[in-house]
Amino acid sequence: MLHSMSNRIRTSVGSVDREDGKHFVRSRLGKIVSAVLGTLLVASGAYAASNWVIGLAGGSSGEGQSATIANVTITAVAAPAATNLLYPGGNGDVVVTISNPNGYPVTVTAVQLPTNVTYATGYTTSALSVTQAGCLAATPSDVIWNFSTGSSGSSHNLTTPLTVAASGQGGNPLTVTLTNDASMTASAPAACANTFFSMPSLTGITATGGAAVATSSPATDAWTS
């Protein structure tokens, strides 16, 4: 009899334990489901469409602004050194940098030259700081821009357009070797041997600003007529 009562007690306790376990699982599951449903309801409520359809008022707009326009600068530089050197009756290279201060690329397609009696000034070194005696613009040096004419401002197209990157971008300033675009007449004085020249100022360029692929620096270009 005691054995039978003991069995009933264990069975009863086991049943209680199982029931408690099931209740615990159901309780936890219920909380998780409630939390998920609550999150979904909140999210759904935040983006739910209503029957109140909203339109756009007439004249709705925004504001933009265009960039400014600034001139480029072309400057004489010593590097890379000219490959083709000047001699009486011959042509030689001119090395320059083109600096673009604009916030967009600038493409140069042509240059305008001074007259063919506007001469370069000679210097003793590539620093162009000490003039070469007997080889000045007024002497004259007889070094001019190739294909310049008797009229100031004659325009000469580049073989390949040069695109200078926007300000602050790589390749700006753009270094360019203008192949054989300087000329020394046959009358050049002997004092102009072994001399570095600052070419006469260009009178202008033909250039436009706008989106374009920048030319890699250093570049080689020329005008041939």
N, C-alpha and C. Protein backbone atom coordinates (compact mmCIF):
# COMPACT_ATOMS: atom_id res chain seq x y z
N MET A 1 0.82 -1.20 0.00
CA MET A 1 0.00 0.00 0.00
C MET A 1 0.86 1.25 0.00
N LEU A 2 1.91 1.22 0.82
CA LEU A 2 2.84 2.35 0.84
C LEU A 2 3.50 2.52 -0.51
N HIS A 3 3.85 1.38 -1.12
CA HIS A 3 4.50 1.42 -2.43
C HIS A 3 3.57 2.05 -3.45
N SER A 4 2.30 1.69 -3.42
CA SER A 4 1.32 2.24 -4.36
C SER A 4 1.14 3.72 -4.14
N MET A 5 1.09 4.19 -2.87
CA MET A 5 0.93 5.61 -2.57
C MET A 5 2.13 6.40 -3.05
N SER A 6 3.31 5.81 -2.87
CA SER A 6 4.55 6.50 -3.30
C SER A 6 4.54 6.69 -4.80
N ASN A 7 4.10 5.69 -5.53
CA ASN A 7 4.03 5.79 -6.99
C ASN A 7 3.09 6.89 -7.41
N ARG A 8 1.92 6.97 -6.71
CA ARG A 8 0.95 7.99 -7.06
C ARG A 8 1.50 9.38 -6.82
N ILE A 9 2.25 9.53 -5.73
CA ILE A 9 2.84 10.85 -5.42
C ILE A 9 3.83 11.26 -6.49
N ARG A 10 4.73 10.28 -6.90
CA ARG A 10 5.72 10.60 -7.93
C ARG A 10 5.05 10.96 -9.25
N THR A 11 4.02 10.18 -9.56
CA THR A 11 3.30 10.46 -10.81
C THR A 11 2.69 11.83 -10.77
N SER A 12 2.13 12.16 -9.60
CA SER A 12 1.50 13.47 -9.44
C SER A 12 2.51 14.59 -9.57
N VAL A 13 3.67 14.44 -8.95
CA VAL A 13 4.72 15.46 -8.99
C VAL A 13 5.25 15.61 -10.41
N GLY A 14 5.44 14.47 -11.10
CA GLY A 14 5.92 14.51 -12.48
C GLY A 14 4.95 15.25 -13.37
N SER A 15 3.65 15.01 -13.12
CA SER A 15 2.65 15.68 -13.93
C SER A 15 2.68 17.17 -13.70
N VAL A 16 2.86 17.56 -12.44
CA VAL A 16 2.93 18.98 -12.11
C VAL A 16 4.14 19.61 -12.77
N ASP A 17 5.30 18.88 -12.69
CA ASP A 17 6.51 19.40 -13.31
C ASP A 17 6.33 19.60 -14.80
N ARG A 18 5.72 18.60 -15.44
CA ARG A 18 5.52 18.70 -16.88
C ARG A 18 4.59 19.84 -17.21
N GLU A 19 3.54 19.98 -16.44
CA GLU A 19 2.59 21.05 -16.69
C GLU A 19 3.24 22.42 -16.49
N ASP A 20 4.07 22.52 -15.42
CA ASP A 20 4.77 23.78 -15.18
C ASP A 20 5.71 24.10 -16.34
N GLY A 21 6.41 23.07 -16.84
CA GLY A 21 7.33 23.28 -17.96
C GLY A 21 6.61 23.75 -19.19
N LYS A 22 5.47 23.11 -19.48
CA LYS A 22 4.69 23.51 -20.65
C LYS A 22 4.18 24.93 -20.48
N HIS A 23 3.78 25.26 -19.27
CA HIS A 23 3.28 26.61 -19.02
C HIS A 23 4.39 27.65 -19.23
N PHE A 24 5.61 27.28 -18.77
CA PHE A 24 6.74 28.20 -18.91
C PHE A 24 7.07 28.43 -20.39
N VAL A 25 7.11 27.34 -21.19
CA VAL A 25 7.41 27.45 -22.61
C VAL A 25 6.35 28.28 -23.31
N ARG A 26 5.06 27.98 -22.97
CA ARG A 26 3.98 28.74 -23.61
C ARG A 26 4.07 30.21 -23.24
N SER A 27 4.45 30.47 -22.00
CA SER A 27 4.55 31.85 -21.54
C SER A 27 5.66 32.59 -22.27
N ARG A 28 6.84 31.96 -22.37
CA ARG A 28 7.96 32.58 -23.08
C ARG A 28 7.63 32.80 -24.55
N LEU A 29 7.04 31.78 -25.20
CA LEU A 29 6.69 31.87 -26.60
C LEU A 29 5.68 33.00 -26.83
N GLY A 30 4.75 33.08 -25.91
CA GLY A 30 3.74 34.14 -26.02
C GLY A 30 4.35 35.51 -25.93
N LYS A 31 5.32 35.69 -25.04
CA LYS A 31 5.98 36.99 -24.90
C LYS A 31 6.76 37.35 -26.17
N ILE A 32 7.46 36.34 -26.74
CA ILE A 32 8.25 36.59 -27.95
C ILE A 32 7.33 36.98 -29.10
N VAL A 33 6.24 36.22 -29.29
CA VAL A 33 5.30 36.52 -30.36
C VAL A 33 4.70 37.90 -30.18
N SER A 34 4.36 38.25 -28.94
CA SER A 34 3.78 39.57 -28.67
C SER A 34 4.75 40.68 -29.01
N ALA A 35 6.04 40.46 -28.63
CA ALA A 35 7.05 41.48 -28.92
C ALA A 35 7.23 41.67 -30.42
N VAL A 36 7.29 40.56 -31.17
CA VAL A 36 7.45 40.64 -32.62
C VAL A 36 6.26 41.33 -33.26
N LEU A 37 5.07 40.93 -32.86
CA LEU A 37 3.86 41.55 -33.41
C LEU A 37 3.80 43.02 -33.08
N GLY A 38 4.23 43.36 -31.87
CA GLY A 38 4.23 44.77 -31.48
C GLY A 38 5.16 45.58 -32.33
N THR A 39 6.35 45.03 -32.61
CA THR A 39 7.32 45.72 -33.46
C THR A 39 6.79 45.90 -34.87
N LEU A 40 6.18 44.83 -35.40
CA LEU A 40 5.62 44.91 -36.74
C LEU A 40 4.50 45.92 -36.83
N LEU A 41 3.67 45.96 -35.78
CA LEU A 41 2.56 46.91 -35.79
C LEU A 41 3.06 48.35 -35.73
N VAL A 42 4.11 48.57 -34.91
CA VAL A 42 4.67 49.91 -34.82
C VAL A 42 5.26 50.33 -36.16
N ALA A 43 6.07 49.42 -36.77
CA ALA A 43 6.68 49.72 -38.06
C ALA A 43 5.62 49.95 -39.12
N SER A 44 4.61 49.09 -39.10
CA SER A 44 3.54 49.22 -40.08
C SER A 44 2.80 50.54 -39.90
N GLY A 45 2.60 50.91 -38.66
CA GLY A 45 1.89 52.16 -38.38
C GLY A 45 2.68 53.37 -38.82
N ALA A 46 4.04 53.29 -38.73
CA ALA A 46 4.87 54.44 -39.07
C ALA A 46 4.83 54.74 -40.56
N TYR A 47 4.62 53.71 -41.40
CA TYR A 47 4.66 53.90 -42.84
C TYR A 47 3.32 53.63 -43.52
N ALA A 48 2.30 53.48 -42.73
CA ALA A 48 1.00 53.15 -43.30
C ALA A 48 0.45 54.32 -44.11
N ALA A 49 -0.13 53.99 -45.26
CA ALA A 49 -0.78 55.01 -46.07
C ALA A 49 -2.18 55.24 -45.54
N SER A 50 -2.58 56.50 -45.62
CA SER A 50 -3.94 56.84 -45.18
C SER A 50 -4.76 57.24 -46.38
N ASN A 51 -6.01 57.55 -46.15
CA ASN A 51 -6.88 58.01 -47.22
C ASN A 51 -6.71 59.49 -47.51
N TRP A 52 -5.84 60.17 -46.76
CA TRP A 52 -5.60 61.60 -46.97
C TRP A 52 -4.46 61.76 -47.98
N VAL A 53 -4.78 61.93 -49.22
CA VAL A 53 -3.78 62.04 -50.29
C VAL A 53 -3.27 63.49 -50.35
N ILE A 54 -1.95 63.65 -50.30
CA ILE A 54 -1.32 64.97 -50.29
C ILE A 54 -0.70 65.26 -51.66
N GLY A 55 -0.94 66.44 -52.19
CA GLY A 55 -0.37 66.83 -53.47
C GLY A 55 0.78 67.81 -53.30
N LEU A 56 1.25 68.41 -54.40
CA LEU A 56 2.36 69.34 -54.40
C LEU A 56 1.86 70.72 -54.78
N ALA A 57 2.22 71.71 -53.98
CA ALA A 57 1.79 73.08 -54.26
C ALA A 57 2.47 73.60 -55.52
N GLY A 58 1.76 74.38 -56.29
CA GLY A 58 2.31 74.97 -57.50
C GLY A 58 3.50 75.87 -57.19
N GLY A 59 4.49 75.85 -58.06
CA GLY A 59 5.68 76.68 -57.87
C GLY A 59 6.72 76.06 -56.97
N SER A 60 6.51 74.83 -56.50
CA SER A 60 7.51 74.17 -55.65
C SER A 60 8.80 73.98 -56.43
N SER A 61 9.95 74.31 -55.83
CA SER A 61 11.20 74.28 -56.57
C SER A 61 12.39 74.17 -55.61
N GLY A 62 13.59 74.33 -56.12
CA GLY A 62 14.82 74.34 -55.33
C GLY A 62 15.78 75.33 -55.94
N GLU A 63 16.92 75.54 -55.28
CA GLU A 63 17.88 76.54 -55.76
C GLU A 63 19.21 75.89 -56.11
N GLY A 64 19.77 76.27 -57.26
CA GLY A 64 21.10 75.85 -57.67
C GLY A 64 21.96 77.07 -57.94
N GLN A 65 23.22 76.86 -58.20
CA GLN A 65 24.12 77.97 -58.48
C GLN A 65 25.21 77.52 -59.42
N SER A 66 25.56 78.36 -60.39
CA SER A 66 26.62 78.02 -61.33
C SER A 66 27.98 78.51 -60.82
N ALA A 67 29.02 77.88 -61.34
CA ALA A 67 30.39 78.24 -60.96
C ALA A 67 30.80 79.55 -61.62
N THR A 68 31.85 80.14 -61.10
CA THR A 68 32.41 81.35 -61.69
C THR A 68 33.35 80.97 -62.84
N ILE A 69 33.75 81.98 -63.63
CA ILE A 69 34.69 81.77 -64.73
C ILE A 69 35.97 82.56 -64.43
N ALA A 70 37.10 81.86 -64.44
CA ALA A 70 38.40 82.50 -64.20
C ALA A 70 39.37 82.09 -65.31
N ASN A 71 40.25 83.01 -65.69
CA ASN A 71 41.22 82.73 -66.75
C ASN A 71 42.28 81.74 -66.31
N VAL A 72 42.75 80.93 -67.25
CA VAL A 72 43.88 80.04 -66.98
C VAL A 72 45.18 80.84 -67.10
N THR A 73 46.26 80.28 -66.57
CA THR A 73 47.58 80.92 -66.64
C THR A 73 48.56 79.96 -67.29
N ILE A 74 49.33 80.46 -68.26
CA ILE A 74 50.37 79.66 -68.92
C ILE A 74 51.72 80.22 -68.51
N THR A 75 52.57 79.32 -68.00
CA THR A 75 53.85 79.74 -67.41
C THR A 75 55.00 78.92 -68.00
N ALA A 76 56.14 79.59 -68.22
CA ALA A 76 57.35 78.90 -68.68
C ALA A 76 57.93 78.05 -67.56
N VAL A 77 58.36 76.83 -67.88
CA VAL A 77 59.01 75.95 -66.89
C VAL A 77 60.22 75.27 -67.53
N ALA A 78 61.12 74.79 -66.68
CA ALA A 78 62.36 74.18 -67.16
C ALA A 78 62.26 72.68 -67.33
N ALA A 79 61.30 72.04 -66.68
CA ALA A 79 61.23 70.57 -66.72
C ALA A 79 59.85 70.13 -67.22
N PRO A 80 59.84 69.14 -68.10
CA PRO A 80 61.00 68.43 -68.64
C PRO A 80 61.77 69.31 -69.63
N ALA A 81 63.06 69.06 -69.73
CA ALA A 81 63.89 69.88 -70.63
C ALA A 81 63.47 69.68 -72.09
N ALA A 82 63.62 70.72 -72.86
CA ALA A 82 63.30 70.65 -74.30
C ALA A 82 64.17 69.59 -74.98
N THR A 83 63.55 68.84 -75.86
CA THR A 83 64.30 67.84 -76.64
C THR A 83 64.89 68.48 -77.89
N ASN A 84 64.08 69.25 -78.59
CA ASN A 84 64.54 69.93 -79.81
C ASN A 84 65.03 71.33 -79.44
N LEU A 85 66.31 71.59 -79.67
CA LEU A 85 66.93 72.86 -79.28
C LEU A 85 67.04 73.81 -80.46
N LEU A 86 66.98 75.09 -80.15
CA LEU A 86 67.02 76.12 -81.18
C LEU A 86 68.43 76.31 -81.75
N TYR A 87 68.48 76.69 -83.01
CA TYR A 87 69.71 77.10 -83.69
C TYR A 87 69.29 77.99 -84.85
N PRO A 88 70.20 78.78 -85.41
CA PRO A 88 69.82 79.71 -86.49
C PRO A 88 69.13 79.00 -87.65
N GLY A 89 67.93 79.45 -87.95
CA GLY A 89 67.17 78.85 -89.04
C GLY A 89 66.38 77.61 -88.63
N GLY A 90 66.43 77.25 -87.35
CA GLY A 90 65.75 76.02 -86.89
C GLY A 90 64.65 76.30 -85.87
N ASN A 91 63.94 75.24 -85.53
CA ASN A 91 62.85 75.32 -84.55
C ASN A 91 63.20 74.54 -83.29
N GLY A 92 62.55 74.87 -82.20
CA GLY A 92 62.81 74.17 -80.95
C GLY A 92 61.55 74.08 -80.09
N ASP A 93 61.63 73.24 -79.07
CA ASP A 93 60.48 73.01 -78.18
C ASP A 93 60.31 74.15 -77.18
N VAL A 94 59.07 74.32 -76.74
CA VAL A 94 58.75 75.25 -75.66
C VAL A 94 58.00 74.46 -74.58
N VAL A 95 58.43 74.60 -73.34
CA VAL A 95 57.81 73.84 -72.24
C VAL A 95 57.04 74.80 -71.35
N VAL A 96 55.78 74.47 -71.08
CA VAL A 96 54.92 75.35 -70.29
C VAL A 96 54.10 74.53 -69.30
N THR A 97 53.52 75.23 -68.33
CA THR A 97 52.45 74.65 -67.53
C THR A 97 51.20 75.49 -67.74
N ILE A 98 50.05 74.82 -67.70
CA ILE A 98 48.76 75.51 -67.78
C ILE A 98 48.03 75.28 -66.47
N SER A 99 47.76 76.37 -65.75
CA SER A 99 47.07 76.28 -64.46
C SER A 99 45.62 76.70 -64.62
N ASN A 100 44.73 75.88 -64.08
CA ASN A 100 43.29 76.13 -64.18
C ASN A 100 42.72 76.37 -62.78
N PRO A 101 42.28 77.61 -62.47
CA PRO A 101 41.75 77.90 -61.13
C PRO A 101 40.27 77.57 -60.98
N ASN A 102 39.64 77.11 -62.04
CA ASN A 102 38.20 76.85 -62.01
C ASN A 102 37.88 75.50 -61.37
N GLY A 103 36.67 75.37 -60.91
CA GLY A 103 36.24 74.13 -60.27
C GLY A 103 35.73 73.10 -61.26
N TYR A 104 36.12 73.21 -62.51
CA TYR A 104 35.72 72.30 -63.58
C TYR A 104 36.84 72.28 -64.62
N PRO A 105 36.88 71.23 -65.45
CA PRO A 105 37.94 71.14 -66.47
C PRO A 105 37.84 72.26 -67.50
N VAL A 106 38.99 72.64 -68.06
CA VAL A 106 39.05 73.63 -69.13
C VAL A 106 39.81 73.00 -70.30
N THR A 107 39.23 73.08 -71.49
CA THR A 107 39.84 72.50 -72.68
C THR A 107 40.34 73.60 -73.61
N VAL A 108 41.64 73.56 -73.91
CA VAL A 108 42.28 74.54 -74.78
C VAL A 108 42.42 73.93 -76.17
N THR A 109 41.94 74.64 -77.18
CA THR A 109 41.99 74.12 -78.55
C THR A 109 42.88 74.92 -79.49
N ALA A 110 43.22 76.16 -79.11
CA ALA A 110 44.05 76.99 -79.99
C ALA A 110 44.74 78.08 -79.18
N VAL A 111 45.80 78.63 -79.76
CA VAL A 111 46.50 79.76 -79.13
C VAL A 111 46.55 80.92 -80.12
N GLN A 112 46.63 82.11 -79.57
CA GLN A 112 46.81 83.31 -80.41
C GLN A 112 48.18 83.90 -80.12
N LEU A 113 48.91 84.24 -81.19
CA LEU A 113 50.32 84.61 -81.08
C LEU A 113 50.53 86.11 -81.32
N PRO A 114 51.61 86.65 -80.74
CA PRO A 114 52.02 88.01 -81.08
C PRO A 114 52.62 88.02 -82.48
N THR A 115 53.06 89.17 -82.93
CA THR A 115 53.62 89.28 -84.28
C THR A 115 54.96 88.57 -84.41
N ASN A 116 55.38 88.38 -85.63
CA ASN A 116 56.67 87.72 -85.88
C ASN A 116 57.88 88.64 -85.73
N VAL A 117 57.63 89.84 -85.21
CA VAL A 117 58.75 90.71 -84.83
C VAL A 117 58.68 91.02 -83.32
N THR A 118 57.99 90.14 -82.61
CA THR A 118 57.96 90.21 -81.14
C THR A 118 58.86 89.09 -80.65
N TYR A 119 60.00 89.47 -80.04
CA TYR A 119 61.06 88.50 -79.79
C TYR A 119 61.12 88.05 -78.33
N ALA A 120 61.72 86.86 -78.16
CA ALA A 120 61.96 86.31 -76.82
C ALA A 120 63.17 86.98 -76.19
N THR A 121 63.23 86.93 -74.87
CA THR A 121 64.40 87.42 -74.12
C THR A 121 65.24 86.23 -73.67
N GLY A 122 66.56 86.33 -73.85
CA GLY A 122 67.45 85.25 -73.47
C GLY A 122 67.92 85.38 -72.03
N TYR A 123 68.13 84.21 -71.36
CA TYR A 123 68.61 84.16 -69.97
C TYR A 123 69.76 83.17 -69.87
N THR A 124 70.57 83.35 -68.84
CA THR A 124 71.76 82.51 -68.68
C THR A 124 71.45 81.11 -68.15
N THR A 125 70.35 80.97 -67.40
CA THR A 125 69.98 79.66 -66.85
C THR A 125 68.48 79.42 -67.04
N SER A 126 68.05 78.20 -66.75
CA SER A 126 66.64 77.85 -66.90
C SER A 126 65.76 78.52 -65.85
N ALA A 127 66.38 79.12 -64.84
CA ALA A 127 65.60 79.85 -63.84
C ALA A 127 65.02 81.15 -64.41
N LEU A 128 65.54 81.57 -65.54
CA LEU A 128 65.09 82.79 -66.23
C LEU A 128 65.14 84.01 -65.29
N SER A 129 66.26 84.12 -64.61
CA SER A 129 66.40 85.23 -63.66
C SER A 129 67.48 86.24 -64.07
N VAL A 130 68.53 85.80 -64.78
CA VAL A 130 69.61 86.70 -65.21
C VAL A 130 69.64 86.72 -66.73
N THR A 131 69.46 87.89 -67.31
CA THR A 131 69.40 87.98 -68.78
C THR A 131 70.76 87.73 -69.42
N GLN A 132 70.71 87.27 -70.66
CA GLN A 132 71.91 86.99 -71.43
C GLN A 132 72.29 88.25 -72.23
N ALA A 133 73.45 88.80 -71.92
CA ALA A 133 73.90 90.02 -72.62
C ALA A 133 73.95 89.79 -74.12
N GLY A 134 73.42 90.72 -74.88
CA GLY A 134 73.45 90.64 -76.33
C GLY A 134 72.38 89.73 -76.91
N CYS A 135 71.47 89.21 -76.04
CA CYS A 135 70.41 88.31 -76.53
C CYS A 135 69.08 88.68 -75.88
N LEU A 136 68.72 89.93 -76.04
CA LEU A 136 67.48 90.42 -75.45
C LEU A 136 66.41 90.60 -76.52
N ALA A 137 65.19 90.81 -76.07
CA ALA A 137 64.11 91.06 -77.03
C ALA A 137 64.41 92.27 -77.89
N ALA A 138 65.08 93.26 -77.28
CA ALA A 138 65.36 94.51 -78.01
C ALA A 138 66.60 94.41 -78.88
N THR A 139 67.41 93.34 -78.74
CA THR A 139 68.70 93.27 -79.45
C THR A 139 68.55 93.18 -80.98
N PRO A 140 67.76 92.37 -81.62
CA PRO A 140 66.86 91.40 -80.98
C PRO A 140 67.49 90.02 -80.90
N SER A 141 66.80 89.11 -80.17
CA SER A 141 67.28 87.72 -80.08
C SER A 141 66.96 86.94 -81.35
N ASP A 142 65.98 87.41 -82.08
CA ASP A 142 65.51 86.72 -83.29
C ASP A 142 64.88 85.35 -82.98
N VAL A 143 64.39 85.20 -81.75
CA VAL A 143 63.62 83.99 -81.39
C VAL A 143 62.16 84.40 -81.27
N ILE A 144 61.30 83.73 -82.03
CA ILE A 144 59.87 84.07 -82.09
C ILE A 144 59.04 82.79 -81.98
N TRP A 145 57.74 82.96 -81.85
CA TRP A 145 56.83 81.81 -81.92
C TRP A 145 56.76 81.34 -83.37
N ASN A 146 56.85 80.04 -83.56
CA ASN A 146 56.75 79.49 -84.90
C ASN A 146 55.35 79.71 -85.47
N PHE A 147 55.29 80.04 -86.73
CA PHE A 147 54.05 80.30 -87.47
C PHE A 147 53.38 81.62 -87.08
N SER A 148 54.06 82.45 -86.28
CA SER A 148 53.52 83.78 -86.03
C SER A 148 53.57 84.58 -87.33
N THR A 149 52.74 85.60 -87.44
CA THR A 149 52.63 86.37 -88.68
C THR A 149 52.87 87.86 -88.39
N GLY A 150 52.66 88.67 -89.41
CA GLY A 150 52.80 90.10 -89.23
C GLY A 150 51.64 90.72 -88.48
N SER A 151 50.61 89.93 -88.21
CA SER A 151 49.43 90.43 -87.48
C SER A 151 49.39 89.84 -86.08
N SER A 152 49.21 90.70 -85.10
CA SER A 152 49.08 90.23 -83.72
C SER A 152 47.74 89.52 -83.52
N GLY A 153 47.77 88.41 -82.81
CA GLY A 153 46.54 87.68 -82.52
C GLY A 153 46.19 86.59 -83.50
N SER A 154 47.11 86.25 -84.40
CA SER A 154 46.83 85.15 -85.33
C SER A 154 46.57 83.87 -84.53
N SER A 155 45.54 83.11 -84.93
CA SER A 155 45.11 81.94 -84.16
C SER A 155 45.63 80.65 -84.79
N HIS A 156 46.07 79.72 -83.94
CA HIS A 156 46.68 78.48 -84.41
C HIS A 156 46.11 77.32 -83.59
N ASN A 157 45.51 76.38 -84.30
CA ASN A 157 44.87 75.24 -83.64
C ASN A 157 45.91 74.23 -83.15
N LEU A 158 45.70 73.72 -81.94
CA LEU A 158 46.54 72.65 -81.43
C LEU A 158 46.24 71.36 -82.17
N THR A 159 47.25 70.53 -82.30
CA THR A 159 47.05 69.23 -82.94
C THR A 159 46.02 68.40 -82.17
N THR A 160 46.13 68.45 -80.84
CA THR A 160 45.20 67.74 -79.96
C THR A 160 44.72 68.70 -78.89
N PRO A 161 43.41 68.81 -78.66
CA PRO A 161 42.94 69.67 -77.57
C PRO A 161 43.54 69.25 -76.23
N LEU A 162 43.86 70.23 -75.40
CA LEU A 162 44.44 69.97 -74.08
C LEU A 162 43.39 70.29 -73.02
N THR A 163 43.06 69.31 -72.19
CA THR A 163 42.08 69.52 -71.12
C THR A 163 42.79 69.54 -69.78
N VAL A 164 42.68 70.68 -69.10
CA VAL A 164 43.31 70.85 -67.79
C VAL A 164 42.27 70.51 -66.72
N ALA A 165 42.63 69.66 -65.79
CA ALA A 165 41.70 69.22 -64.74
C ALA A 165 41.24 70.40 -63.88
N ALA A 166 40.17 70.18 -63.15
CA ALA A 166 39.64 71.21 -62.25
C ALA A 166 40.65 71.54 -61.16
N SER A 167 40.48 72.70 -60.58
CA SER A 167 41.37 73.15 -59.50
C SER A 167 41.43 72.11 -58.38
N GLY A 168 42.65 71.82 -57.93
CA GLY A 168 42.84 70.87 -56.84
C GLY A 168 42.91 69.43 -57.28
N GLN A 169 42.69 69.14 -58.56
CA GLN A 169 42.74 67.77 -59.06
C GLN A 169 44.11 67.45 -59.64
N GLY A 170 44.42 66.16 -59.71
CA GLY A 170 45.69 65.72 -60.29
C GLY A 170 45.80 66.16 -61.75
N GLY A 171 46.99 66.54 -62.17
CA GLY A 171 47.19 67.00 -63.55
C GLY A 171 46.92 68.47 -63.73
N ASN A 172 46.72 69.19 -62.65
CA ASN A 172 46.54 70.65 -62.70
C ASN A 172 47.51 71.25 -61.69
N PRO A 173 48.53 71.99 -62.15
CA PRO A 173 48.79 72.44 -63.52
C PRO A 173 49.15 71.28 -64.46
N LEU A 174 48.85 71.50 -65.72
CA LEU A 174 49.20 70.55 -66.77
C LEU A 174 50.50 71.00 -67.43
N THR A 175 51.49 70.12 -67.43
CA THR A 175 52.78 70.42 -68.07
C THR A 175 52.73 69.95 -69.53
N VAL A 176 53.10 70.84 -70.43
CA VAL A 176 53.00 70.53 -71.86
C VAL A 176 54.30 70.94 -72.57
N THR A 177 54.81 70.04 -73.40
CA THR A 177 55.90 70.38 -74.32
C THR A 177 55.29 70.68 -75.68
N LEU A 178 55.48 71.92 -76.14
CA LEU A 178 54.99 72.33 -77.44
C LEU A 178 56.12 72.09 -78.45
N THR A 179 55.98 71.03 -79.18
CA THR A 179 57.07 70.56 -80.04
C THR A 179 57.33 71.51 -81.21
N ASN A 180 58.58 72.00 -81.27
CA ASN A 180 59.04 72.85 -82.38
C ASN A 180 58.19 74.10 -82.59
N ASP A 181 57.62 74.64 -81.51
CA ASP A 181 56.78 75.83 -81.66
C ASP A 181 57.52 77.13 -81.35
N ALA A 182 58.83 77.05 -81.16
CA ALA A 182 59.68 78.24 -81.14
C ALA A 182 60.55 78.22 -82.38
N SER A 183 60.91 79.40 -82.86
CA SER A 183 61.72 79.48 -84.07
C SER A 183 62.83 80.51 -83.89
N MET A 184 64.03 80.19 -84.35
CA MET A 184 65.16 81.13 -84.32
C MET A 184 65.52 81.46 -85.77
N THR A 185 65.49 82.73 -86.11
CA THR A 185 65.81 83.11 -87.50
C THR A 185 67.29 82.92 -87.78
N ALA A 186 67.61 82.93 -89.03
CA ALA A 186 69.01 82.75 -89.44
C ALA A 186 69.88 83.92 -89.02
N SER A 187 69.26 85.05 -88.64
CA SER A 187 70.01 86.25 -88.26
C SER A 187 70.29 86.33 -86.76
N ALA A 188 69.96 85.28 -86.01
CA ALA A 188 70.15 85.33 -84.55
C ALA A 188 71.61 85.59 -84.20
N PRO A 189 71.91 86.48 -83.22
CA PRO A 189 73.30 86.80 -82.85
C PRO A 189 73.98 85.63 -82.14
N ALA A 190 75.31 85.60 -82.24
CA ALA A 190 76.07 84.54 -81.58
C ALA A 190 75.89 84.57 -80.07
N ALA A 191 75.53 85.72 -79.51
CA ALA A 191 75.32 85.83 -78.07
C ALA A 191 74.15 84.97 -77.60
N CYS A 192 73.31 84.52 -78.53
CA CYS A 192 72.13 83.71 -78.15
C CYS A 192 72.42 82.21 -78.13
N ALA A 193 73.70 81.84 -78.31
CA ALA A 193 74.05 80.42 -78.17
C ALA A 193 74.00 80.03 -76.68
N ASN A 194 73.66 78.77 -76.44
CA ASN A 194 73.62 78.24 -75.07
C ASN A 194 72.78 79.14 -74.15
N THR A 195 71.59 79.45 -74.59
CA THR A 195 70.73 80.41 -73.89
C THR A 195 69.34 79.82 -73.67
N PHE A 196 68.73 80.21 -72.58
CA PHE A 196 67.35 79.82 -72.27
C PHE A 196 66.45 81.03 -72.57
N PHE A 197 65.29 80.77 -73.16
CA PHE A 197 64.46 81.88 -73.63
C PHE A 197 63.10 81.92 -72.92
N SER A 198 62.72 83.13 -72.57
CA SER A 198 61.35 83.39 -72.12
C SER A 198 60.60 83.89 -73.35
N MET A 199 59.69 83.07 -73.83
CA MET A 199 58.99 83.40 -75.07
C MET A 199 58.06 84.60 -74.87
N PRO A 200 57.77 85.33 -75.94
CA PRO A 200 56.86 86.47 -75.82
C PRO A 200 55.47 86.01 -75.32
N SER A 201 54.79 86.89 -74.63
CA SER A 201 53.47 86.54 -74.11
C SER A 201 52.50 86.22 -75.23
N LEU A 202 51.75 85.16 -75.06
CA LEU A 202 50.66 84.86 -75.99
C LEU A 202 49.60 85.96 -75.88
N THR A 203 48.91 86.22 -76.97
CA THR A 203 47.87 87.25 -76.91
C THR A 203 46.53 86.68 -76.50
N GLY A 204 46.40 85.36 -76.52
CA GLY A 204 45.14 84.75 -76.10
C GLY A 204 45.12 83.26 -76.35
N ILE A 205 44.03 82.64 -75.96
CA ILE A 205 43.80 81.21 -76.23
C ILE A 205 42.33 81.04 -76.61
N THR A 206 42.03 79.92 -77.24
CA THR A 206 40.65 79.51 -77.44
C THR A 206 40.39 78.34 -76.50
N ALA A 207 39.48 78.52 -75.57
CA ALA A 207 39.26 77.50 -74.55
C ALA A 207 37.81 77.54 -74.07
N THR A 208 37.34 76.40 -73.59
CA THR A 208 35.99 76.31 -73.02
C THR A 208 36.05 75.52 -71.72
N GLY A 209 35.11 75.82 -70.83
CA GLY A 209 35.03 75.11 -69.56
C GLY A 209 33.83 74.18 -69.54
N GLY A 210 34.01 73.02 -68.93
CA GLY A 210 32.91 72.06 -68.83
C GLY A 210 33.44 70.65 -68.67
N ALA A 211 32.53 69.73 -68.45
CA ALA A 211 32.91 68.34 -68.20
C ALA A 211 33.73 67.78 -69.36
N ALA A 212 34.86 67.16 -69.01
CA ALA A 212 35.74 66.56 -70.02
C ALA A 212 36.78 65.72 -69.29
N VAL A 213 37.37 64.78 -70.00
CA VAL A 213 38.44 63.95 -69.44
C VAL A 213 39.75 64.72 -69.49
N ALA A 214 40.41 64.84 -68.35
CA ALA A 214 41.64 65.63 -68.27
C ALA A 214 42.79 64.96 -69.04
N THR A 215 43.62 65.78 -69.66
CA THR A 215 44.83 65.30 -70.32
C THR A 215 45.86 64.90 -69.27
N SER A 216 46.50 63.77 -69.48
CA SER A 216 47.53 63.32 -68.54
C SER A 216 48.76 64.21 -68.63
N SER A 217 49.34 64.50 -67.47
CA SER A 217 50.53 65.35 -67.40
C SER A 217 51.76 64.51 -67.09
N PRO A 218 52.90 64.74 -67.77
CA PRO A 218 53.15 65.75 -68.80
C PRO A 218 52.60 65.31 -70.16
N ALA A 219 52.31 66.30 -70.99
CA ALA A 219 51.75 66.03 -72.32
C ALA A 219 52.64 66.65 -73.38
N THR A 220 52.44 66.22 -74.61
CA THR A 220 53.13 66.78 -75.76
C THR A 220 52.09 67.22 -76.78
N ASP A 221 52.27 68.42 -77.33
CA ASP A 221 51.31 68.94 -78.30
C ASP A 221 52.03 69.93 -79.20
N ALA A 222 51.30 70.55 -80.11
CA ALA A 222 51.90 71.52 -81.02
C ALA A 222 50.82 72.15 -81.88
N TRP A 223 51.17 73.26 -82.52
CA TRP A 223 50.40 73.73 -83.67
C TRP A 223 51.37 73.63 -84.85
N THR A 224 50.86 73.29 -85.99
CA THR A 224 51.73 72.99 -87.13
C THR A 224 51.50 73.93 -88.31
N SER A 225 50.72 74.96 -88.08
CA SER A 225 50.50 75.92 -89.15
C SER A 225 50.00 77.23 -88.52
